[in-house]
C-alpha atoms as a PDB file:
ATOM      1  CA  GLY A   1     -29.167   0.070 -15.689  1.00  0.00           C
ATOM      2  CA  ASP A   2     -32.410  -0.347 -13.650  1.00  0.00           C
ATOM      3  CA  ARG A   3     -31.721  -3.788 -12.980  1.00  0.00           C
ATOM      4  CA  PRO A   4     -31.540  -4.215  -8.913  1.00  0.00           C
ATOM      5  CA  ARG A   5     -28.409  -5.645  -7.513  1.00  0.00           C
ATOM      6  CA  ARG A   6     -28.802  -8.783  -5.831  1.00  0.00           C
ATOM      7  CA  THR A   7     -27.984  -9.263  -2.567  1.00  0.00           C
ATOM      8  CA  GLY A   8     -24.338 -10.343  -2.399  1.00  0.00           C
ATOM      9  CA  GLU A   9     -23.300  -8.904  -5.572  1.00  0.00           C
ATOM     10  CA  GLY A  10     -20.122  -6.368  -5.864  1.00  0.00           C
ATOM     11  CA  LEU A  11     -16.295  -6.814  -5.919  1.00  0.00           C
ATOM     12  CA  GLY A  12     -16.626  -5.914  -2.129  1.00  0.00           C
ATOM     13  CA  LEU A  13     -18.181  -8.854  -0.867  1.00  0.00           C
ATOM     14  CA  HIS A  14     -16.704 -11.394  -4.023  1.00  0.00           C
ATOM     15  CA  ILE A  15     -12.986 -10.313  -1.508  1.00  0.00           C
ATOM     16  CA  VAL A  16     -14.865 -10.991   1.488  1.00  0.00           C
ATOM     17  CA  HIS A  17     -16.249 -14.146   0.553  1.00  0.00           C
ATOM     18  CA  SER A  18     -13.039 -15.741  -1.301  1.00  0.00           C
ATOM     19  CA  LEU A  19     -10.714 -14.751   2.108  1.00  0.00           C
ATOM     20  CA  THR A  20     -13.588 -16.069   4.090  1.00  0.00           C
ATOM     21  CA  GLU A  21     -13.492 -19.210   2.341  1.00  0.00           C
ATOM     22  CA  GLU A  22     -10.077 -19.665   2.287  1.00  0.00           C
ATOM     23  CA  LEU A  23     -10.033 -19.723   6.100  1.00  0.00           C
ATOM     24  CA  GLY A  24     -12.685 -21.957   6.193  1.00  0.00           C
ATOM     25  CA  GLY A  25     -15.482 -19.353   7.391  1.00  0.00           C
ATOM     26  CA  THR A  26     -18.482 -18.952   5.779  1.00  0.00           C
ATOM     27  CA  VAL A  27     -20.664 -15.553   4.709  1.00  0.00           C
ATOM     28  CA  GLN A  28     -24.272 -14.976   4.959  1.00  0.00           C
ATOM     29  CA  VAL A  29     -25.638 -11.826   3.455  1.00  0.00           C
ATOM     30  CA  ALA A  30     -29.537 -10.876   3.934  1.00  0.00           C
ATOM     31  CA  THR A  31     -31.355  -7.846   2.996  1.00  0.00           C
ATOM     32  CA  ARG A  32     -32.754  -5.860   6.217  1.00  0.00           C
ATOM     33  CA  SER A  33     -36.431  -5.150   6.471  1.00  0.00           C
ATOM     34  CA  CYS A  34     -35.590  -1.468   7.656  1.00  0.00           C
ATOM     35  CA  GLY A  35     -33.566  -1.058   4.356  1.00  0.00           C
ATOM     36  CA  GLY A  36     -29.681  -2.154   3.944  1.00  0.00           C
ATOM     37  CA  VAL A  37     -27.838  -5.060   4.738  1.00  0.00           C
ATOM     38  CA  GLU A  38     -26.660  -7.671   7.322  1.00  0.00           C
ATOM     39  CA  ALA A  39     -23.531  -9.510   6.930  1.00  0.00           C
ATOM     40  CA  GLU A  40     -22.710 -12.621   9.289  1.00  0.00           C
ATOM     41  CA  VAL A  41     -18.924 -14.011   9.146  1.00  0.00           C
ATOM     42  CA  ARG A  42     -18.316 -16.888  11.118  1.00  0.00           C
ATOM     43  CA  PHE A  43     -14.925 -18.125  11.240  1.00  0.00           C
ATOM     44  CA  PRO A  44     -13.286 -21.295  12.937  1.00  0.00           C
ATOM     45  CA  ALA A  45     -11.762 -21.301  16.536  1.00  0.00           C
ATOM     46  CA  GLN A  46      -8.069 -19.619  16.138  1.00  0.00           C
ATOM     47  CA  ALA A  47      -6.112 -22.686  16.836  1.00  0.00           C
ATOM     48  CA  ALA A  48      -7.978 -24.521  13.638  1.00  0.00           C
ATOM     49  CA  VAL A  49      -7.261 -21.325  11.436  1.00  0.00           C
ATOM     50  CA  SER A  50      -3.536 -21.826  11.942  1.00  0.00           C
ATOM     51  CA  GLU A  51      -3.889 -25.757  10.718  1.00  0.00           C
ATOM     52  CA  ILE A  52      -6.244 -24.599   7.327  1.00  0.00           C
ATOM     53  CA  ILE A  53      -4.164 -22.622   5.372  1.00  0.00           C
ATOM     54  CA  PRO A  54      -0.890 -24.598   5.496  1.00  0.00           C
ATOM     55  CA  LYS A  55      -3.536 -27.694   4.611  1.00  0.00           C
ATOM     56  CA  THR A  56      -4.870 -25.826   1.534  1.00  0.00           C
ATOM     57  CA  ILE A  57      -2.088 -24.006  -0.026  1.00  0.00           C
ATOM     58  CA  ALA A  58       1.112 -24.886  -1.108  1.00  0.00           C
ATOM     59  CA  PRO A  59       3.444 -21.896  -0.076  1.00  0.00           C
ATOM     60  CA  VAL A  60       5.449 -20.251  -3.247  1.00  0.00           C
ATOM     61  CA  ALA A  61       8.012 -18.775  -0.731  1.00  0.00           C
ATOM     62  CA  ASP A  62       9.874 -20.530   2.342  1.00  0.00           C
ATOM     63  CA  LEU A  63      10.608 -17.780   5.130  1.00  0.00           C
ATOM     64  CA  SER A  64      12.087 -20.225   7.345  1.00  0.00           C
ATOM     65  CA  GLY A  65      14.597 -18.595   9.826  1.00  0.00           C
ATOM     66  CA  LEU A  66      13.283 -14.921   9.220  1.00  0.00           C
ATOM     67  CA  ARG A  67      11.550 -13.162  11.692  1.00  0.00           C
ATOM     68  CA  VAL A  68       9.106 -10.796  10.078  1.00  0.00           C
ATOM     69  CA  LEU A  69       7.569  -7.879  12.281  1.00  0.00           C
ATOM     70  CA  LEU A  70       4.031  -7.250  11.107  1.00  0.00           C
ATOM     71  CA  ALA A  71       2.587  -3.779  12.282  1.00  0.00           C
ATOM     72  CA  GLU A  72      -1.392  -3.947  11.481  1.00  0.00           C
ATOM     73  CA  ASP A  73      -3.809  -2.209  14.212  1.00  0.00           C
ATOM     74  CA  ASN A  74      -6.973  -3.958  12.568  1.00  0.00           C
ATOM     75  CA  PRO A  75      -7.711  -7.327  14.406  1.00  0.00           C
ATOM     76  CA  THR A  76      -9.059  -9.186  11.377  1.00  0.00           C
ATOM     77  CA  ASN A  77      -6.313  -7.883   8.890  1.00  0.00           C
ATOM     78  CA  GLN A  78      -3.748  -8.711  11.743  1.00  0.00           C
ATOM     79  CA  MET A  79      -4.876 -12.428  12.199  1.00  0.00           C
ATOM     80  CA  VAL A  80      -5.309 -13.144   8.175  1.00  0.00           C
ATOM     81  CA  ALA A  81      -2.180 -11.616   7.631  1.00  0.00           C
ATOM     82  CA  SER A  82      -0.282 -13.089  10.547  1.00  0.00           C
ATOM     83  CA  GLN A  83      -1.392 -16.702   9.686  1.00  0.00           C
ATOM     84  CA  MET A  84      -0.152 -16.371   5.946  1.00  0.00           C
ATOM     85  CA  LEU A  85       3.333 -15.583   6.931  1.00  0.00           C
ATOM     86  CA  ARG A  86       3.192 -18.685   9.351  1.00  0.00           C
ATOM     87  CA  ALA A  87       1.951 -20.603   6.468  1.00  0.00           C
ATOM     88  CA  LEU A  88       5.097 -19.607   4.515  1.00  0.00           C
ATOM     89  CA  ASN A  89       6.903 -20.474   7.657  1.00  0.00           C
ATOM     90  CA  ALA A  90       7.957 -17.066   9.347  1.00  0.00           C
ATOM     91  CA  ASP A  91       8.757 -16.575  12.551  1.00  0.00           C
ATOM     92  CA  VAL A  92       5.811 -13.572  12.971  1.00  0.00           C
ATOM     93  CA  ILE A  93       6.071 -10.744  15.718  1.00  0.00           C
ATOM     94  CA  ILE A  94       3.109  -8.792  16.237  1.00  0.00           C
ATOM     95  CA  ALA A  95       2.468  -4.989  16.906  1.00  0.00           C
ATOM     96  CA  SER A  96      -1.020  -3.573  17.138  1.00  0.00           C
ATOM     97  CA  ASP A  97       0.408   0.413  16.157  1.00  0.00           C
ATOM     98  CA  GLY A  98       3.159   2.194  15.181  1.00  0.00           C
ATOM     99  CA  VAL A  99       4.323   2.994  18.612  1.00  0.00           C
ATOM    100  CA  GLU A 100       4.436  -0.369  19.472  1.00  0.00           C
ATOM    101  CA  ALA A 101       5.959  -1.412  16.262  1.00  0.00           C
ATOM    102  CA  LEU A 102       9.271   0.719  17.018  1.00  0.00           C
ATOM    103  CA  ASP A 103       9.034  -0.522  20.367  1.00  0.00           C
ATOM    104  CA  ARG A 104       9.171  -4.337  19.367  1.00  0.00           C
ATOM    105  CA  PHE A 105      11.708  -3.255  16.543  1.00  0.00           C
ATOM    106  CA  ASP A 106      14.036  -2.122  18.988  1.00  0.00           C
ATOM    107  CA  ALA A 107      13.894  -4.883  21.696  1.00  0.00           C
ATOM    108  CA  GLU A 108      13.811  -8.104  18.948  1.00  0.00           C
ATOM    109  CA  LYS A 109      15.839  -9.448  16.103  1.00  0.00           C
ATOM    110  CA  VAL A 110      13.919  -8.361  13.102  1.00  0.00           C
ATOM    111  CA  ASP A 111      14.909  -9.867   9.668  1.00  0.00           C
ATOM    112  CA  LEU A 112      12.040  -8.279   7.641  1.00  0.00           C
ATOM    113  CA  VAL A 113       9.133  -5.459   8.590  1.00  0.00           C
ATOM    114  CA  VAL A 114       5.516  -5.856   6.987  1.00  0.00           C
ATOM    115  CA  VAL A 115       3.915  -2.209   8.171  1.00  0.00           C
ATOM    116  CA  ASP A 116       0.676  -1.069   7.605  1.00  0.00           C
ATOM    117  CA  ILE A 117       0.381   2.286   6.605  1.00  0.00           C
ATOM    118  CA  GLU A 118      -2.634   4.005   8.414  1.00  0.00           C
ATOM    119  CA  MET A 119      -2.157   3.447  12.059  1.00  0.00           C
ATOM    120  CA  PRO A 120      -3.153   5.087  14.829  1.00  0.00           C
ATOM    121  CA  ARG A 121      -0.725   6.813  17.462  1.00  0.00           C
ATOM    122  CA  LEU A 122       2.404   6.602  14.821  1.00  0.00           C
ATOM    123  CA  SER A 123       1.421   5.948  10.902  1.00  0.00           C
ATOM    124  CA  GLY A 124       3.467   3.382   8.642  1.00  0.00           C
ATOM    125  CA  LEU A 125       5.326   6.306   7.039  1.00  0.00           C
ATOM    126  CA  ASP A 126       6.849   7.397  10.346  1.00  0.00           C
ATOM    127  CA  VAL A 127       7.610   4.138  11.564  1.00  0.00           C
ATOM    128  CA  ILE A 128       9.754   3.368   8.419  1.00  0.00           C
ATOM    129  CA  ARG A 129      11.115   6.748   8.396  1.00  0.00           C
ATOM    130  CA  ALA A 130      12.529   6.073  11.933  1.00  0.00           C
ATOM    131  CA  ILE A 131      13.839   2.859  11.176  1.00  0.00           C
ATOM    132  CA  ARG A 132      15.724   4.821   8.194  1.00  0.00           C
ATOM    133  CA  THR A 133      17.033   7.292  10.369  1.00  0.00           C
ATOM    134  CA  ARG A 134      18.614   4.953  12.880  1.00  0.00           C
ATOM    135  CA  PRO A 135      22.424   5.289  13.114  1.00  0.00           C
ATOM    136  CA  ASP A 136      23.447   1.381  13.005  1.00  0.00           C
ATOM    137  CA  GLU A 137      22.803  -1.225  10.363  1.00  0.00           C
ATOM    138  CA  ARG A 138      19.289  -2.174  11.395  1.00  0.00           C
ATOM    139  CA  ALA A 139      18.486   0.911   9.532  1.00  0.00           C
ATOM    140  CA  GLN A 140      18.963  -1.159   6.244  1.00  0.00           C
ATOM    141  CA  VAL A 141      16.150  -3.683   7.442  1.00  0.00           C
ATOM    142  CA  PRO A 142      13.931  -4.648   4.312  1.00  0.00           C
ATOM    143  CA  ILE A 143      10.519  -2.655   4.858  1.00  0.00           C
ATOM    144  CA  VAL A 144       7.182  -3.893   3.013  1.00  0.00           C
ATOM    145  CA  ALA A 145       4.472  -1.759   3.634  1.00  0.00           C
ATOM    146  CA  LEU A 146       0.697  -2.747   3.369  1.00  0.00           C
ATOM    147  CA  THR A 147      -1.886  -0.303   2.140  1.00  0.00           C
ATOM    148  CA  ALA A 148      -5.222   0.435   0.401  1.00  0.00           C
ATOM    149  CA  TYR A 149      -4.187   3.239  -1.324  1.00  0.00           C
ATOM    150  CA  ALA A 150      -2.272   2.015  -4.003  1.00  0.00           C
ATOM    151  CA  MET A 151      -2.599   5.657  -6.739  1.00  0.00           C
ATOM    152  CA  ARG A 152       0.818   6.818  -7.529  1.00  0.00           C
ATOM    153  CA  GLU A 153       1.073   9.740  -5.118  1.00  0.00           C
ATOM    154  CA  HIS A 154       0.848   6.980  -2.517  1.00  0.00           C
ATOM    155  CA  ARG A 155       3.097   4.488  -3.823  1.00  0.00           C
ATOM    156  CA  GLU A 156       5.970   7.728  -3.993  1.00  0.00           C
ATOM    157  CA  ARG A 157       5.366   9.038  -0.686  1.00  0.00           C
ATOM    158  CA  ILE A 158       5.728   5.256   0.703  1.00  0.00           C
ATOM    159  CA  SER A 159       8.673   5.257  -1.367  1.00  0.00           C
ATOM    160  CA  ALA A 160      10.360   7.969  -0.420  1.00  0.00           C
ATOM    161  CA  ALA A 161       9.701   7.368   3.114  1.00  0.00           C
ATOM    162  CA  GLY A 162      12.228   4.523   2.437  1.00  0.00           C
ATOM    163  CA  ALA A 163      10.070   1.553   1.634  1.00  0.00           C
ATOM    164  CA  ASN A 164      11.956  -1.275  -0.214  1.00  0.00           C
ATOM    165  CA  GLY A 165       8.214  -2.354  -1.075  1.00  0.00           C
ATOM    166  CA  LEU A 166       4.295  -2.343  -1.328  1.00  0.00           C
ATOM    167  CA  ILE A 167       1.740  -4.808  -1.360  1.00  0.00           C
ATOM    168  CA  SER A 168      -1.921  -3.428  -1.985  1.00  0.00           C
ATOM    169  CA  LYS A 169      -4.806  -4.635   0.851  1.00  0.00           C
ATOM    170  CA  PRO A 170      -6.742  -6.691   0.988  1.00  0.00           C
ATOM    171  CA  ILE A 171      -4.160  -9.413   0.592  1.00  0.00           C
ATOM    172  CA  VAL A 172      -5.819 -12.102  -1.460  1.00  0.00           C
ATOM    173  CA  SER A 173      -3.994 -14.995  -0.801  1.00  0.00           C
ATOM    174  CA  VAL A 174      -0.572 -16.880   0.595  1.00  0.00           C
ATOM    175  CA  GLU A 175       0.573 -17.084  -3.188  1.00  0.00           C
ATOM    176  CA  ALA A 176       0.355 -13.441  -3.563  1.00  0.00           C
ATOM    177  CA  LEU A 177       1.700 -12.476  -0.132  1.00  0.00           C
ATOM    178  CA  GLY A 178       4.820 -15.322  -1.091  1.00  0.00           C
ATOM    179  CA  ARG A 179       5.286 -13.727  -4.324  1.00  0.00           C
ATOM    180  CA  ALA A 180       5.656  -9.954  -2.947  1.00  0.00           C
ATOM    181  CA  LEU A 181       8.025 -10.921   0.021  1.00  0.00           C
ATOM    182  CA  ALA A 182       9.993 -13.732  -1.721  1.00  0.00           C
ATOM    183  CA  GLY A 183      12.589 -10.870  -3.233  1.00  0.00           C
ATOM    184  CA  HIS A 184      12.597  -8.811   0.102  1.00  0.00           C
ATOM    185  CA  ALA A 185      13.260 -12.179   1.959  1.00  0.00           C
ATOM    186  CA  ALA A 186      16.068 -13.433   0.219  1.00  0.00           C
ATOM    187  CA  ARG A 187      17.978 -10.060   0.629  1.00  0.00           C
ATOM    188  CA  ALA A 188      17.207  -9.752   4.173  1.00  0.00           C
ATOM    189  CA  PHE A 189      18.233 -13.965   4.963  1.00  0.00           C
ATOM    190  CA  PRO A 190      20.405 -14.963   1.435  1.00  0.00           C
ATOM    191  CA  ARG A 191      20.337 -18.703   1.781  1.00  0.00           C
ATOM    192  CA  GLU A 192      22.879 -18.757  -1.688  1.00  0.00           C
ATOM    193  CA  ALA A 193      26.273 -16.748  -1.562  1.00  0.00           C
ATOM    194  CA  GLU A 194      24.469 -14.164  -4.193  1.00  0.00           C
ATOM    195  CA  VAL A 195      21.699 -11.860  -3.119  1.00  0.00           C
ATOM    196  CA  PRO A 196      19.630 -10.767  -5.854  1.00  0.00           C
ATOM    197  CA  ASP A 197      19.622  -6.788  -6.359  1.00  0.00           C
ATOM    198  CA  VAL A 198      16.219  -5.061  -6.171  1.00  0.00           C
ATOM    199  CA  ASP A 199      15.827  -5.173  -9.973  1.00  0.00           C
ATOM    200  CA  ALA A 200      15.811  -9.225  -9.838  1.00  0.00           C
ATOM    201  CA  ALA A 201      13.635  -8.681  -6.909  1.00  0.00           C
ATOM    202  CA  ALA A 202      11.097  -7.006  -8.688  1.00  0.00           C
ATOM    203  CA  ALA A 203      11.270  -9.316 -11.918  1.00  0.00           C
ATOM    204  CA  SER A 204       9.503 -11.813  -9.810  1.00  0.00           C
ATOM    205  CA  GLY A 205       6.138 -10.138 -10.476  1.00  0.00           C
ATOM    206  CA  PRO A 206       3.849  -7.354  -9.380  1.00  0.00           C
ATOM    207  CA  VAL A 207       0.992  -8.597  -6.825  1.00  0.00           C
ATOM    208  CA  ILE A 208      -1.458  -7.724  -9.457  1.00  0.00           C
ATOM    209  CA  ASP A 209      -0.655  -7.370 -13.269  1.00  0.00           C
ATOM    210  CA  GLN A 210      -0.088  -3.847 -14.917  1.00  0.00           C
ATOM    211  CA  ALA A 211      -2.923  -3.609 -17.142  1.00  0.00           C
ATOM    212  CA  THR A 212      -5.288  -3.971 -13.706  1.00  0.00           C
ATOM    213  CA  PHE A 213      -3.147  -1.212 -11.916  1.00  0.00           C
ATOM    214  CA  ASP A 214      -3.561   0.797 -14.628  1.00  0.00           C
ATOM    215  CA  ALA A 215      -7.268   0.175 -14.640  1.00  0.00           C
ATOM    216  CA  LEU A 216      -7.563   1.044 -11.405  1.00  0.00           C
ATOM    217  CA  ALA A 217      -5.631   3.970 -11.160  1.00  0.00           C
ATOM    218  CA  GLU A 218      -7.329   5.645 -14.045  1.00  0.00           C
END
C-alpha cells in the first residue's frame, strides 16, 4: 500500500544478506541524501573465504576426484561458485568467458562442466553446442547450465543445446549446489559399479520445489 518500504527490505537484499553472511561478510545499506540507497559489502580476505565454507557447512555431495570446469564471467559469482565447488571437494578449473571455457576444455581433463549462459565473446549455449558437436567421446561430458532465467522457454533452449541440467542463479547454498550436481557427478565419475540414469539423478530433488517454480513462472 502507501506504507514506505524501509531500507534493506526486499528479496534481492535478503539474498545478498544471506550469501554474504554465509561467506563471513557483512552488508550495510543506507539511504542517500540525494536519493536512492548505498550498499557496502565487506568480505574477509580471499584466503579466509576458502576456510569459512567447509567449516560451517557439511557438504551433501562429495565431488572428490572430479575436475569441474566452471565458466562464469562475473567475478563475484565466480568466487562464490568456485568456493562452493571446492567445499564439495572438487578440483575447479575457472574460465572467465565462453572462448576461454572451450580453450580450457580442449587443454584440460574435465569431468563436469558448469557453464553460465550469459557470457561475453561466446555464450553458454554456444559453449554447450560446441562441446556436444565434438567428434570424440568428450562430447558426452555432463554439462550443467547456470542461469538467472528459469522460465520454460529458457529451460527448453538450454536443454535443446545439450545441457544435462540447469541451476537457477543465485546459488543459495553449498547444499543446493551439491544436490543439483550429485547425479551428474555420479555419471561423470561413478564410484559404484552401476551409474545412475538421468531419471534417477532427477529424483534426487530439484533446487527449488515445484510449487515455488510454478509461482515464479506465473
